[in-house]
């Protein structure tokens, strides 16, 4: 039986597509935000990342980075409080694809040497 590839559930994904670093946020299939690196990814790139900073308007600012340097920026207008029907995947997207740029399982063919997730609590502005 073929995999179902309807990007309908919520989630976010950081991935490489067309030689650029992309961050995609899918708000339950209702609203999508994609932040794309301004430049093509250098062949010698070592560290890829994205900073997702919650904002008081219920959204988040997104800044992808390549080797510690800002590679673009964007704003997610609203975010879900929780995501219940998806998996937390590294180097692939096993369930339904977050983005329409790829189909599941969307396996990364490179080598992940280390993955760091830094979750800093959000403080409501005073």
PDB file of N, CA and C in Angstrom:
ATOM      1  N   UNK A   1       0.850  -1.181   0.000  1.00  0.00           N
ATOM      2  CA  UNK A   1       0.000   0.000   0.000  1.00  0.00           C
ATOM      3  C   UNK A   1       0.895   1.243   0.000  1.00  0.00           C
ATOM      4  N   UNK A   2       0.648   2.215  -0.897  1.00  0.00           N
ATOM      5  CA  UNK A   2       1.484   3.426  -0.941  1.00  0.00           C
ATOM      6  C   UNK A   2       1.239   4.317   0.274  1.00  0.00           C
ATOM      7  N   UNK A   3       2.272   5.087   0.605  1.00  0.00           N
ATOM      8  CA  UNK A   3       2.155   6.035   1.710  1.00  0.00           C
ATOM      9  C   UNK A   3       1.187   7.151   1.335  1.00  0.00           C
ATOM     10  N   UNK A   4       0.476   7.643   2.312  1.00  0.00           N
ATOM     11  CA  UNK A   4      -0.398   8.799   2.114  1.00  0.00           C
ATOM     12  C   UNK A   4       0.455  10.043   2.317  1.00  0.00           C
ATOM     13  N   UNK A   5       0.444  10.938   1.369  1.00  0.00           N
ATOM     14  CA  UNK A   5       1.274  12.135   1.464  1.00  0.00           C
ATOM     15  C   UNK A   5       0.438  13.403   1.353  1.00  0.00           C
ATOM     16  N   UNK A   6      -0.550  13.516   2.196  1.00  0.00           N
ATOM     17  CA  UNK A   6      -1.366  14.718   2.262  1.00  0.00           C
ATOM     18  C   UNK A   6      -0.831  15.592   3.377  1.00  0.00           C
ATOM     19  N   UNK A   7      -0.189  16.730   3.064  1.00  0.00           N
ATOM     20  CA  UNK A   7       0.332  17.596   4.108  1.00  0.00           C
ATOM     21  C   UNK A   7      -0.806  18.322   4.820  1.00  0.00           C
ATOM     22  N   UNK A   8      -1.431  17.642   5.761  1.00  0.00           N
ATOM     23  CA  UNK A   8      -2.619  18.214   6.382  1.00  0.00           C
ATOM     24  C   UNK A   8      -2.428  18.518   7.857  1.00  0.00           C
ATOM     25  N   UNK A   9      -1.476  17.875   8.486  1.00  0.00           N
ATOM     26  CA  UNK A   9      -1.296  18.095   9.915  1.00  0.00           C
ATOM     27  C   UNK A   9      -0.298  19.217  10.161  1.00  0.00           C
ATOM     28  N   UNK A  10      -0.217  19.642  11.381  1.00  0.00           N
ATOM     29  CA  UNK A  10       0.671  20.742  11.751  1.00  0.00           C
ATOM     30  C   UNK A  10       2.089  20.246  11.958  1.00  0.00           C
ATOM     31  N   UNK A  11       3.010  21.194  11.959  1.00  0.00           N
ATOM     32  CA  UNK A  11       4.389  20.865  12.260  1.00  0.00           C
ATOM     33  C   UNK A  11       5.337  21.870  11.651  1.00  0.00           C
ATOM     34  N   UNK A  12       6.608  21.679  11.977  1.00  0.00           N
ATOM     35  CA  UNK A  12       7.624  22.503  11.355  1.00  0.00           C
ATOM     36  C   UNK A  12       8.758  21.606  10.903  1.00  0.00           C
ATOM     37  N   UNK A  13       9.468  22.081   9.895  1.00  0.00           N
ATOM     38  CA  UNK A  13      10.538  21.286   9.306  1.00  0.00           C
ATOM     39  C   UNK A  13      11.665  22.208   8.873  1.00  0.00           C
ATOM     40  N   UNK A  14      12.893  21.800   9.160  1.00  0.00           N
ATOM     41  CA  UNK A  14      14.092  22.473   8.683  1.00  0.00           C
ATOM     42  C   UNK A  14      14.752  21.488   7.726  1.00  0.00           C
ATOM     43  N   UNK A  15      14.931  21.882   6.468  1.00  0.00           N
ATOM     44  CA  UNK A  15      15.405  20.942   5.468  1.00  0.00           C
ATOM     45  C   UNK A  15      16.138  21.665   4.340  1.00  0.00           C
ATOM     46  N   UNK A  16      16.801  20.891   3.493  1.00  0.00           N
ATOM     47  CA  UNK A  16      17.488  21.419   2.323  1.00  0.00           C
ATOM     48  C   UNK A  16      16.616  21.152   1.106  1.00  0.00           C
ATOM     49  N   UNK A  17      16.463  22.185   0.273  1.00  0.00           N
ATOM     50  CA  UNK A  17      15.666  22.032  -0.947  1.00  0.00           C
ATOM     51  C   UNK A  17      16.189  23.003  -1.989  1.00  0.00           C
ATOM     52  N   UNK A  18      16.501  22.478  -3.172  1.00  0.00           N
ATOM     53  CA  UNK A  18      17.003  23.293  -4.274  1.00  0.00           C
ATOM     54  C   UNK A  18      18.210  24.129  -3.856  1.00  0.00           C
ATOM     55  N   UNK A  19      19.134  23.496  -3.116  1.00  0.00           N
ATOM     56  CA  UNK A  19      20.395  24.100  -2.663  1.00  0.00           C
ATOM     57  C   UNK A  19      20.210  25.279  -1.708  1.00  0.00           C
ATOM     58  N   UNK A  20      19.090  25.311  -1.020  1.00  0.00           N
ATOM     59  CA  UNK A  20      18.840  26.343  -0.008  1.00  0.00           C
ATOM     60  C   UNK A  20      18.346  25.685   1.271  1.00  0.00           C
ATOM     61  N   UNK A  21      18.586  26.365   2.374  1.00  0.00           N
ATOM     62  CA  UNK A  21      18.064  25.939   3.667  1.00  0.00           C
ATOM     63  C   UNK A  21      16.653  26.511   3.796  1.00  0.00           C
ATOM     64  N   UNK A  22      15.702  25.656   4.157  1.00  0.00           N
ATOM     65  CA  UNK A  22      14.319  26.112   4.302  1.00  0.00           C
ATOM     66  C   UNK A  22      13.767  25.722   5.669  1.00  0.00           C
ATOM     67  N   UNK A  23      12.971  26.608   6.212  1.00  0.00           N
ATOM     68  CA  UNK A  23      12.190  26.334   7.414  1.00  0.00           C
ATOM     69  C   UNK A  23      10.739  26.481   7.001  1.00  0.00           C
ATOM     70  N   UNK A  24       9.938  25.457   7.255  1.00  0.00           N
ATOM     71  CA  UNK A  24       8.530  25.504   6.865  1.00  0.00           C
ATOM     72  C   UNK A  24       7.668  25.226   8.096  1.00  0.00           C
ATOM     73  N   UNK A  25       6.647  26.064   8.302  1.00  0.00           N
ATOM     74  CA  UNK A  25       5.701  25.884   9.396  1.00  0.00           C
ATOM     75  C   UNK A  25       4.317  25.682   8.800  1.00  0.00           C
ATOM     76  N   UNK A  26       3.705  24.573   9.153  1.00  0.00           N
ATOM     77  CA  UNK A  26       2.383  24.209   8.646  1.00  0.00           C
ATOM     78  C   UNK A  26       1.394  24.320   9.813  1.00  0.00           C
ATOM     79  N   UNK A  27       0.496  25.269   9.717  1.00  0.00           N
ATOM     80  CA  UNK A  27      -0.524  25.471  10.740  1.00  0.00           C
ATOM     81  C   UNK A  27      -1.767  24.673  10.345  1.00  0.00           C
ATOM     82  N   UNK A  28      -1.723  23.373  10.634  1.00  0.00           N
ATOM     83  CA  UNK A  28      -2.849  22.453  10.408  1.00  0.00           C
ATOM     84  C   UNK A  28      -3.375  22.489   8.977  1.00  0.00           C
ATOM     85  N   UNK A  29      -2.507  22.780   8.020  1.00  0.00           N
ATOM     86  CA  UNK A  29      -2.921  22.832   6.626  1.00  0.00           C
ATOM     87  C   UNK A  29      -3.689  24.082   6.258  1.00  0.00           C
ATOM     88  N   UNK A  30      -3.998  24.928   7.227  1.00  0.00           N
ATOM     89  CA  UNK A  30      -4.770  26.147   6.983  1.00  0.00           C
ATOM     90  C   UNK A  30      -3.884  27.316   6.563  1.00  0.00           C
ATOM     91  N   UNK A  31      -2.679  27.340   7.084  1.00  0.00           N
ATOM     92  CA  UNK A  31      -1.773  28.462   6.845  1.00  0.00           C
ATOM     93  C   UNK A  31      -0.347  27.921   6.858  1.00  0.00           C
ATOM     94  N   UNK A  32       0.452  28.368   5.916  1.00  0.00           N
ATOM     95  CA  UNK A  32       1.828  27.891   5.810  1.00  0.00           C
ATOM     96  C   UNK A  32       2.778  29.073   5.743  1.00  0.00           C
ATOM     97  N   UNK A  33       3.923  28.911   6.367  1.00  0.00           N
ATOM     98  CA  UNK A  33       4.959  29.922   6.320  1.00  0.00           C
ATOM     99  C   UNK A  33       6.262  29.230   5.948  1.00  0.00           C
ATOM    100  N   UNK A  34       6.948  29.752   4.934  1.00  0.00           N
ATOM    101  CA  UNK A  34       8.244  29.213   4.550  1.00  0.00           C
ATOM    102  C   UNK A  34       9.269  30.331   4.602  1.00  0.00           C
ATOM    103  N   UNK A  35      10.377  30.067   5.279  1.00  0.00           N
ATOM    104  CA  UNK A  35      11.495  31.006   5.341  1.00  0.00           C
ATOM    105  C   UNK A  35      12.659  30.319   4.626  1.00  0.00           C
ATOM    106  N   UNK A  36      13.202  30.981   3.610  1.00  0.00           N
ATOM    107  CA  UNK A  36      14.227  30.396   2.748  1.00  0.00           C
ATOM    108  C   UNK A  36      15.517  31.196   2.886  1.00  0.00           C
ATOM    109  N   UNK A  37      16.648  30.483   2.945  1.00  0.00           N
ATOM    110  CA  UNK A  37      17.936  31.180   3.015  1.00  0.00           C
ATOM    111  C   UNK A  37      18.098  32.077   1.797  1.00  0.00           C
ATOM    112  N   UNK A  38      18.665  33.252   2.019  1.00  0.00           N
ATOM    113  CA  UNK A  38      18.831  34.232   0.951  1.00  0.00           C
ATOM    114  C   UNK A  38      19.805  33.749  -0.116  1.00  0.00           C
ATOM    115  N   UNK A  39      20.828  33.016   0.292  1.00  0.00           N
ATOM    116  CA  UNK A  39      21.852  32.550  -0.639  1.00  0.00           C
ATOM    117  C   UNK A  39      21.801  31.036  -0.769  1.00  0.00           C
ATOM    118  N   UNK A  40      22.386  30.528  -1.847  1.00  0.00           N
ATOM    119  CA  UNK A  40      22.537  29.095  -1.999  1.00  0.00           C
ATOM    120  C   UNK A  40      23.437  28.568  -0.891  1.00  0.00           C
ATOM    121  N   UNK A  41      23.204  27.349  -0.481  1.00  0.00           N
ATOM    122  CA  UNK A  41      23.985  26.737   0.585  1.00  0.00           C
ATOM    123  C   UNK A  41      25.397  26.451   0.086  1.00  0.00           C
ATOM    124  N   UNK A  42      26.429  26.963   0.782  1.00  0.00           N
ATOM    125  CA  UNK A  42      27.801  26.662   0.356  1.00  0.00           C
ATOM    126  C   UNK A  42      28.101  25.170   0.515  1.00  0.00           C
ATOM    127  N   UNK A  43      28.868  24.612  -0.402  1.00  0.00           N
ATOM    128  CA  UNK A  43      29.215  23.187  -0.341  1.00  0.00           C
ATOM    129  C   UNK A  43      29.950  22.846   0.951  1.00  0.00           C
ATOM    130  N   UNK A  44      30.686  23.794   1.508  1.00  0.00           N
ATOM    131  CA  UNK A  44      31.475  23.539   2.719  1.00  0.00           C
ATOM    132  C   UNK A  44      30.710  23.835   4.009  1.00  0.00           C
ATOM    133  N   UNK A  45      29.420  24.100   3.934  1.00  0.00           N
ATOM    134  CA  UNK A  45      28.639  24.426   5.138  1.00  0.00           C
ATOM    135  C   UNK A  45      28.714  23.284   6.146  1.00  0.00           C
ATOM    136  N   UNK A  46      28.908  23.639   7.420  1.00  0.00           N
ATOM    137  CA  UNK A  46      29.051  22.651   8.485  1.00  0.00           C
ATOM    138  C   UNK A  46      27.889  22.645   9.474  1.00  0.00           C
ATOM    139  N   UNK A  47      27.360  23.834   9.780  1.00  0.00           N
ATOM    140  CA  UNK A  47      26.299  23.930  10.791  1.00  0.00           C
ATOM    141  C   UNK A  47      25.090  24.646  10.213  1.00  0.00           C
ATOM    142  N   UNK A  48      23.955  23.970  10.270  1.00  0.00           N
ATOM    143  CA  UNK A  48      22.699  24.545   9.799  1.00  0.00           C
ATOM    144  C   UNK A  48      21.758  24.643  10.984  1.00  0.00           C
ATOM    145  N   UNK A  49      20.966  25.685  11.029  1.00  0.00           N
ATOM    146  CA  UNK A  49      20.053  25.822  12.154  1.00  0.00           C
ATOM    147  C   UNK A  49      18.954  26.815  11.874  1.00  0.00           C
ATOM    148  N   UNK A  50      18.102  26.978  12.868  1.00  0.00           N
ATOM    149  CA  UNK A  50      17.040  27.976  12.805  1.00  0.00           C
ATOM    150  C   UNK A  50      16.678  28.370  14.226  1.00  0.00           C
ATOM    151  N   UNK A  51      16.485  29.647  14.423  1.00  0.00           N
ATOM    152  CA  UNK A  51      16.011  30.171  15.709  1.00  0.00           C
ATOM    153  C   UNK A  51      14.526  30.485  15.535  1.00  0.00           C
ATOM    154  N   UNK A  52      13.715  29.952  16.422  1.00  0.00           N
ATOM    155  CA  UNK A  52      12.262  30.119  16.403  1.00  0.00           C
ATOM    156  C   UNK A  52      11.913  30.825  17.702  1.00  0.00           C
ATOM    157  N   UNK A  53      11.654  32.130  17.630  1.00  0.00           N
ATOM    158  CA  UNK A  53      11.439  32.951  18.827  1.00  0.00           C
ATOM    159  C   UNK A  53       9.969  33.353  18.923  1.00  0.00           C
ATOM    160  N   UNK A  54       9.314  32.925  19.986  1.00  0.00           N
ATOM    161  CA  UNK A  54       7.904  33.270  20.185  1.00  0.00           C
ATOM    162  C   UNK A  54       7.743  34.771  20.335  1.00  0.00           C
ATOM    163  N   UNK A  55       6.631  35.292  19.803  1.00  0.00           N
ATOM    164  CA  UNK A  55       6.349  36.723  19.876  1.00  0.00           C
ATOM    165  C   UNK A  55       4.999  36.943  20.560  1.00  0.00           C
ATOM    166  N   UNK A  56       4.820  38.110  21.172  1.00  0.00           N
ATOM    167  CA  UNK A  56       3.580  38.381  21.910  1.00  0.00           C
ATOM    168  C   UNK A  56       2.311  38.321  21.067  1.00  0.00           C
ATOM    169  N   UNK A  57       2.416  38.447  19.738  1.00  0.00           N
ATOM    170  CA  UNK A  57       1.238  38.424  18.873  1.00  0.00           C
ATOM    171  C   UNK A  57       0.717  37.008  18.617  1.00  0.00           C
ATOM    172  N   UNK A  58       1.329  35.997  19.263  1.00  0.00           N
ATOM    173  CA  UNK A  58       0.902  34.618  19.068  1.00  0.00           C
ATOM    174  C   UNK A  58       1.646  33.908  17.957  1.00  0.00           C
ATOM    175  N   UNK A  59       2.586  34.586  17.349  1.00  0.00           N
ATOM    176  CA  UNK A  59       3.384  34.007  16.275  1.00  0.00           C
ATOM    177  C   UNK A  59       4.805  33.738  16.740  1.00  0.00           C
ATOM    178  N   UNK A  60       5.712  33.788  15.788  1.00  0.00           N
ATOM    179  CA  UNK A  60       7.124  33.565  16.090  1.00  0.00           C
ATOM    180  C   UNK A  60       7.982  34.160  14.983  1.00  0.00           C
ATOM    181  N   UNK A  61       9.149  34.659  15.359  1.00  0.00           N
ATOM    182  CA  UNK A  61      10.140  35.089  14.386  1.00  0.00           C
ATOM    183  C   UNK A  61      11.048  33.900  14.091  1.00  0.00           C
ATOM    184  N   UNK A  62      11.406  33.730  12.825  1.00  0.00           N
ATOM    185  CA  UNK A  62      12.238  32.609  12.399  1.00  0.00           C
ATOM    186  C   UNK A  62      13.479  33.148  11.699  1.00  0.00           C
ATOM    187  N   UNK A  63      14.643  32.664  12.144  1.00  0.00           N
ATOM    188  CA  UNK A  63      15.905  33.064  11.539  1.00  0.00           C
ATOM    189  C   UNK A  63      16.726  31.812  11.237  1.00  0.00           C
ATOM    190  N   UNK A  64      16.779  31.381   9.963  1.00  0.00           N
ATOM    191  CA  UNK A  64      17.663  30.272   9.619  1.00  0.00           C
ATOM    192  C   UNK A  64      19.116  30.743   9.645  1.00  0.00           C
ATOM    193  N   UNK A  65      20.026  29.808   9.925  1.00  0.00           N
ATOM    194  CA  UNK A  65      21.440  30.175   9.975  1.00  0.00           C
ATOM    195  C   UNK A  65      22.294  29.111   9.303  1.00  0.00           C
ATOM    196  N   UNK A  66      23.400  29.577   8.730  1.00  0.00           N
ATOM    197  CA  UNK A  66      24.387  28.704   8.101  1.00  0.00           C
ATOM    198  C   UNK A  66      25.731  29.053   8.717  1.00  0.00           C
ATOM    199  N   UNK A  67      26.347  28.079   9.365  1.00  0.00           N
ATOM    200  CA  UNK A  67      27.635  28.266  10.033  1.00  0.00           C
ATOM    201  C   UNK A  67      27.620  29.459  10.986  1.00  0.00           C
ATOM    202  N   UNK A  68      26.528  29.604  11.721  1.00  0.00           N
ATOM    203  CA  UNK A  68      26.411  30.642  12.741  1.00  0.00           C
ATOM    204  C   UNK A  68      26.019  32.012  12.237  1.00  0.00           C
ATOM    205  N   UNK A  69      25.847  32.168  10.931  1.00  0.00           N
ATOM    206  CA  UNK A  69      25.469  33.465  10.366  1.00  0.00           C
ATOM    207  C   UNK A  69      24.013  33.442   9.919  1.00  0.00           C
ATOM    208  N   UNK A  70      23.317  34.555  10.181  1.00  0.00           N
ATOM    209  CA  UNK A  70      21.923  34.669   9.747  1.00  0.00           C
ATOM    210  C   UNK A  70      21.840  34.501   8.241  1.00  0.00           C
ATOM    211  N   UNK A  71      20.908  33.629   7.800  1.00  0.00           N
ATOM    212  CA  UNK A  71      20.780  33.341   6.375  1.00  0.00           C
ATOM    213  C   UNK A  71      19.439  33.807   5.804  1.00  0.00           C
ATOM    214  N   UNK A  72      18.602  34.403   6.621  1.00  0.00           N
ATOM    215  CA  UNK A  72      17.293  34.873   6.199  1.00  0.00           C
ATOM    216  C   UNK A  72      16.476  35.186   7.442  1.00  0.00           C
ATOM    217  N   UNK A  73      15.248  35.599   7.245  1.00  0.00           N
ATOM    218  CA  UNK A  73      14.357  35.833   8.384  1.00  0.00           C
ATOM    219  C   UNK A  73      12.911  35.880   7.895  1.00  0.00           C
ATOM    220  N   UNK A  74      12.012  35.558   8.806  1.00  0.00           N
ATOM    221  CA  UNK A  74      10.595  35.586   8.484  1.00  0.00           C
ATOM    222  C   UNK A  74       9.773  35.574   9.758  1.00  0.00           C
ATOM    223  N   UNK A  75       8.472  35.652   9.601  1.00  0.00           N
ATOM    224  CA  UNK A  75       7.572  35.677  10.753  1.00  0.00           C
ATOM    225  C   UNK A  75       6.423  34.695  10.529  1.00  0.00           C
ATOM    226  N   UNK A  76       6.219  33.813  11.490  1.00  0.00           N
ATOM    227  CA  UNK A  76       5.070  32.915  11.513  1.00  0.00           C
ATOM    228  C   UNK A  76       3.948  33.683  12.204  1.00  0.00           C
ATOM    229  N   UNK A  77       2.820  33.953  11.528  1.00  0.00           N
ATOM    230  CA  UNK A  77       1.784  34.803  12.111  1.00  0.00           C
ATOM    231  C   UNK A  77       1.046  34.202  13.307  1.00  0.00           C
ATOM    232  N   UNK A  78       0.919  32.887  13.342  1.00  0.00           N
ATOM    233  CA  UNK A  78       0.288  32.247  14.499  1.00  0.00           C
ATOM    234  C   UNK A  78       0.836  30.834  14.623  1.00  0.00           C
ATOM    235  N   UNK A  79       0.801  30.336  15.831  1.00  0.00           N
ATOM    236  CA  UNK A  79       1.362  29.015  16.074  1.00  0.00           C
ATOM    237  C   UNK A  79       0.379  28.182  16.868  1.00  0.00           C
ATOM    238  N   UNK A  80       0.493  26.883  16.702  1.00  0.00           N
ATOM    239  CA  UNK A  80      -0.362  25.963  17.446  1.00  0.00           C
ATOM    240  C   UNK A  80       0.205  25.773  18.845  1.00  0.00           C
ATOM    241  N   UNK A  81      -0.663  25.563  19.786  1.00  0.00           N
ATOM    242  CA  UNK A  81      -0.226  25.341  21.178  1.00  0.00           C
ATOM    243  C   UNK A  81       0.377  23.952  21.353  1.00  0.00           C
ATOM    244  N   UNK A  82      -0.156  22.980  20.624  1.00  0.00           N
ATOM    245  CA  UNK A  82       0.419  21.629  20.671  1.00  0.00           C
ATOM    246  C   UNK A  82       0.171  20.945  19.335  1.00  0.00           C
ATOM    247  N   UNK A  83       0.981  19.955  19.063  1.00  0.00           N
ATOM    248  CA  UNK A  83       0.870  19.169  17.843  1.00  0.00           C
ATOM    249  C   UNK A  83       0.713  17.727  18.290  1.00  0.00           C
ATOM    250  N   UNK A  84      -0.421  17.091  17.937  1.00  0.00           N
ATOM    251  CA  UNK A  84      -0.732  15.796  18.531  1.00  0.00           C
ATOM    252  C   UNK A  84      -0.618  14.592  17.603  1.00  0.00           C
ATOM    253  N   UNK A  85      -0.699  14.779  16.315  1.00  0.00           N
ATOM    254  CA  UNK A  85      -0.743  13.629  15.408  1.00  0.00           C
ATOM    255  C   UNK A  85       0.533  13.438  14.599  1.00  0.00           C
ATOM    256  N   UNK A  86       1.594  14.025  15.005  1.00  0.00           N
ATOM    257  CA  UNK A  86       2.830  13.938  14.235  1.00  0.00           C
ATOM    258  C   UNK A  86       3.944  13.333  15.073  1.00  0.00           C
ATOM    259  N   UNK A  87       5.033  13.044  14.400  1.00  0.00           N
ATOM    260  CA  UNK A  87       6.200  12.460  15.045  1.00  0.00           C
ATOM    261  C   UNK A  87       7.309  13.496  15.120  1.00  0.00           C
ATOM    262  N   UNK A  88       8.254  13.292  16.021  1.00  0.00           N
ATOM    263  CA  UNK A  88       9.445  14.138  16.121  1.00  0.00           C
ATOM    264  C   UNK A  88      10.548  13.381  15.398  1.00  0.00           C
ATOM    265  N   UNK A  89      10.904  13.843  14.215  1.00  0.00           N
ATOM    266  CA  UNK A  89      11.840  13.111  13.363  1.00  0.00           C
ATOM    267  C   UNK A  89      13.117  13.911  13.147  1.00  0.00           C
ATOM    268  N   UNK A  90      14.228  13.205  13.034  1.00  0.00           N
ATOM    269  CA  UNK A  90      15.513  13.810  12.692  1.00  0.00           C
ATOM    270  C   UNK A  90      16.046  13.128  11.447  1.00  0.00           C
ATOM    271  N   UNK A  91      16.326  13.909  10.417  1.00  0.00           N
ATOM    272  CA  UNK A  91      16.865  13.354   9.183  1.00  0.00           C
ATOM    273  C   UNK A  91      15.822  12.734   8.276  1.00  0.00           C
ATOM    274  N   UNK A  92      14.550  12.914   8.607  1.00  0.00           N
ATOM    275  CA  UNK A  92      13.465  12.383   7.785  1.00  0.00           C
ATOM    276  C   UNK A  92      12.148  13.011   8.245  1.00  0.00           C
ATOM    277  N   UNK A  93      11.080  12.682   7.566  1.00  0.00           N
ATOM    278  CA  UNK A  93       9.739  13.106   7.970  1.00  0.00           C
ATOM    279  C   UNK A  93       8.846  11.885   7.742  1.00  0.00           C
ATOM    280  N   UNK A  94       8.627  11.110   8.795  1.00  0.00           N
ATOM    281  CA  UNK A  94       8.033   9.784   8.671  1.00  0.00           C
ATOM    282  C   UNK A  94       6.524   9.727   8.471  1.00  0.00           C
ATOM    283  N   UNK A  95       5.789  10.655   9.020  1.00  0.00           N
ATOM    284  CA  UNK A  95       4.335  10.540   8.984  1.00  0.00           C
ATOM    285  C   UNK A  95       3.813  11.293   7.768  1.00  0.00           C
ATOM    286  N   UNK A  96       3.089  12.364   7.945  1.00  0.00           N
ATOM    287  CA  UNK A  96       2.672  13.170   6.795  1.00  0.00           C
ATOM    288  C   UNK A  96       3.695  14.285   6.620  1.00  0.00           C
ATOM    289  N   UNK A  97       4.014  14.658   5.387  1.00  0.00           N
ATOM    290  CA  UNK A  97       5.022  15.693   5.180  1.00  0.00           C
ATOM    291  C   UNK A  97       4.528  17.057   5.671  1.00  0.00           C
ATOM    292  N   UNK A  98       5.421  17.785   6.306  1.00  0.00           N
ATOM    293  CA  UNK A  98       5.096  19.133   6.778  1.00  0.00           C
ATOM    294  C   UNK A  98       4.980  20.078   5.581  1.00  0.00           C
ATOM    295  N   UNK A  99       5.890  19.930   4.640  1.00  0.00           N
ATOM    296  CA  UNK A  99       5.943  20.796   3.466  1.00  0.00           C
ATOM    297  C   UNK A  99       5.543  20.027   2.211  1.00  0.00           C
ATOM    298  N   UNK A 100       5.064  20.742   1.222  1.00  0.00           N
ATOM    299  CA  UNK A 100       4.753  20.123  -0.063  1.00  0.00           C
ATOM    300  C   UNK A 100       5.989  20.011  -0.951  1.00  0.00           C
ATOM    301  N   UNK A 101       7.156  20.435  -0.441  1.00  0.00           N
ATOM    302  CA  UNK A 101       8.403  20.315  -1.195  1.00  0.00           C
ATOM    303  C   UNK A 101       8.889  18.877  -1.290  1.00  0.00           C
ATOM    304  N   UNK A 102       8.403  17.991  -0.438  1.00  0.00           N
ATOM    305  CA  UNK A 102       8.895  16.613  -0.420  1.00  0.00           C
ATOM    306  C   UNK A 102       7.766  15.657  -0.040  1.00  0.00           C
ATOM    307  N   UNK A 103       8.016  14.367  -0.228  1.00  0.00           N
ATOM    308  CA  UNK A 103       7.079  13.325   0.195  1.00  0.00           C
ATOM    309  C   UNK A 103       7.750  12.496   1.290  1.00  0.00           C
ATOM    310  N   UNK A 104       6.960  11.952   2.162  1.00  0.00           N
ATOM    311  CA  UNK A 104       7.484  11.123   3.247  1.00  0.00           C
ATOM    312  C   UNK A 104       8.015   9.813   2.694  1.00  0.00           C
ATOM    313  N   UNK A 105       9.091   9.283   3.219  1.00  0.00           N
ATOM    314  CA  UNK A 105       9.746   9.629   4.466  1.00  0.00           C
ATOM    315  C   UNK A 105      10.803  10.722   4.343  1.00  0.00           C
ATOM    316  N   UNK A 106      11.087  11.223   3.145  1.00  0.00           N
ATOM    317  CA  UNK A 106      11.998  12.360   2.947  1.00  0.00           C
ATOM    318  C   UNK A 106      13.312  12.190   3.711  1.00  0.00           C
ATOM    319  N   UNK A 107      13.995  11.128   3.474  1.00  0.00           N
ATOM    320  CA  UNK A 107      15.215  10.808   4.207  1.00  0.00           C
ATOM    321  C   UNK A 107      16.392  11.681   3.765  1.00  0.00           C
ATOM    322  N   UNK A 108      17.065  12.298   4.738  1.00  0.00           N
ATOM    323  CA  UNK A 108      18.268  13.093   4.498  1.00  0.00           C
ATOM    324  C   UNK A 108      19.415  12.129   4.186  1.00  0.00           C
ATOM    325  N   UNK A 109      20.134  12.381   3.120  1.00  0.00           N
ATOM    326  CA  UNK A 109      21.175  11.450   2.676  1.00  0.00           C
ATOM    327  C   UNK A 109      22.570  11.815   3.182  1.00  0.00           C
ATOM    328  N   UNK A 110      22.685  12.918   3.888  1.00  0.00           N
ATOM    329  CA  UNK A 110      23.979  13.314   4.445  1.00  0.00           C
ATOM    330  C   UNK A 110      24.189  12.670   5.806  1.00  0.00           C
ATOM    331  N   UNK A 111      25.087  13.244   6.584  1.00  0.00           N
ATOM    332  CA  UNK A 111      25.380  12.735   7.920  1.00  0.00           C
ATOM    333  C   UNK A 111      25.066  13.809   8.950  1.00  0.00           C
ATOM    334  N   UNK A 112      24.260  13.455   9.924  1.00  0.00           N
ATOM    335  CA  UNK A 112      24.002  14.352  11.046  1.00  0.00           C
ATOM    336  C   UNK A 112      24.986  13.970  12.149  1.00  0.00           C
ATOM    337  N   UNK A 113      25.923  14.852  12.443  1.00  0.00           N
ATOM    338  CA  UNK A 113      26.905  14.565  13.488  1.00  0.00           C
ATOM    339  C   UNK A 113      26.379  14.935  14.866  1.00  0.00           C
ATOM    340  N   UNK A 114      25.569  15.972  14.909  1.00  0.00           N
ATOM    341  CA  UNK A 114      25.013  16.400  16.188  1.00  0.00           C
ATOM    342  C   UNK A 114      23.776  17.248  15.927  1.00  0.00           C
ATOM    343  N   UNK A 115      22.785  17.075  16.773  1.00  0.00           N
ATOM    344  CA  UNK A 115      21.565  17.883  16.723  1.00  0.00           C
ATOM    345  C   UNK A 115      21.388  18.512  18.091  1.00  0.00           C
ATOM    346  N   UNK A 116      21.215  19.817  18.121  1.00  0.00           N
ATOM    347  CA  UNK A 116      21.032  20.536  19.380  1.00  0.00           C
ATOM    348  C   UNK A 116      19.690  21.240  19.350  1.00  0.00           C
ATOM    349  N   UNK A 117      18.900  21.019  20.364  1.00  0.00           N
ATOM    350  CA  UNK A 117      17.622  21.704  20.522  1.00  0.00           C
ATOM    351  C   UNK A 117      17.702  22.489  21.819  1.00  0.00           C
ATOM    352  N   UNK A 118      17.622  23.802  21.706  1.00  0.00           N
ATOM    353  CA  UNK A 118      17.702  24.674  22.873  1.00  0.00           C
ATOM    354  C   UNK A 118      16.332  25.310  23.066  1.00  0.00           C
ATOM    355  N   UNK A 119      15.637  24.912  24.094  1.00  0.00           N
ATOM    356  CA  UNK A 119      14.285  25.433  24.374  1.00  0.00           C
ATOM    357  C   UNK A 119      14.369  26.384  25.562  1.00  0.00           C
ATOM    358  N   UNK A 120      14.259  27.647  25.286  1.00  0.00           N
ATOM    359  CA  UNK A 120      14.283  28.661  26.329  1.00  0.00           C
ATOM    360  C   UNK A 120      12.846  29.061  26.646  1.00  0.00           C
ATOM    361  N   UNK A 121      12.461  29.055  27.911  1.00  0.00           N
ATOM    362  CA  UNK A 121      11.078  29.432  28.241  1.00  0.00           C
ATOM    363  C   UNK A 121      10.767  30.858  27.777  1.00  0.00           C
ATOM    364  N   UNK A 122       9.556  31.015  27.245  1.00  0.00           N
ATOM    365  CA  UNK A 122       9.107  32.321  26.800  1.00  0.00           C
ATOM    366  C   UNK A 122       8.576  33.090  27.995  1.00  0.00           C
ATOM    367  N   UNK A 123       8.959  34.341  28.084  1.00  0.00           N
ATOM    368  CA  UNK A 123       8.465  35.184  29.159  1.00  0.00           C
ATOM    369  C   UNK A 123       7.524  36.219  28.572  1.00  0.00           C
ATOM    370  N   UNK A 124       6.323  36.280  29.144  1.00  0.00           N
ATOM    371  CA  UNK A 124       5.326  37.243  28.697  1.00  0.00           C
ATOM    372  C   UNK A 124       5.854  38.656  28.961  1.00  0.00           C
ATOM    373  N   UNK A 125       5.763  39.550  27.953  1.00  0.00           N
ATOM    374  CA  UNK A 125       6.221  40.924  28.158  1.00  0.00           C
ATOM    375  C   UNK A 125       5.453  41.599  29.288  1.00  0.00           C
ATOM    376  N   UNK A 126       6.146  42.438  30.017  1.00  0.00           N
ATOM    377  CA  UNK A 126       5.526  43.150  31.162  1.00  0.00           C
ATOM    378  C   UNK A 126       4.881  44.420  30.722  1.00  0.00           C
TER     379      UNK A 126
END
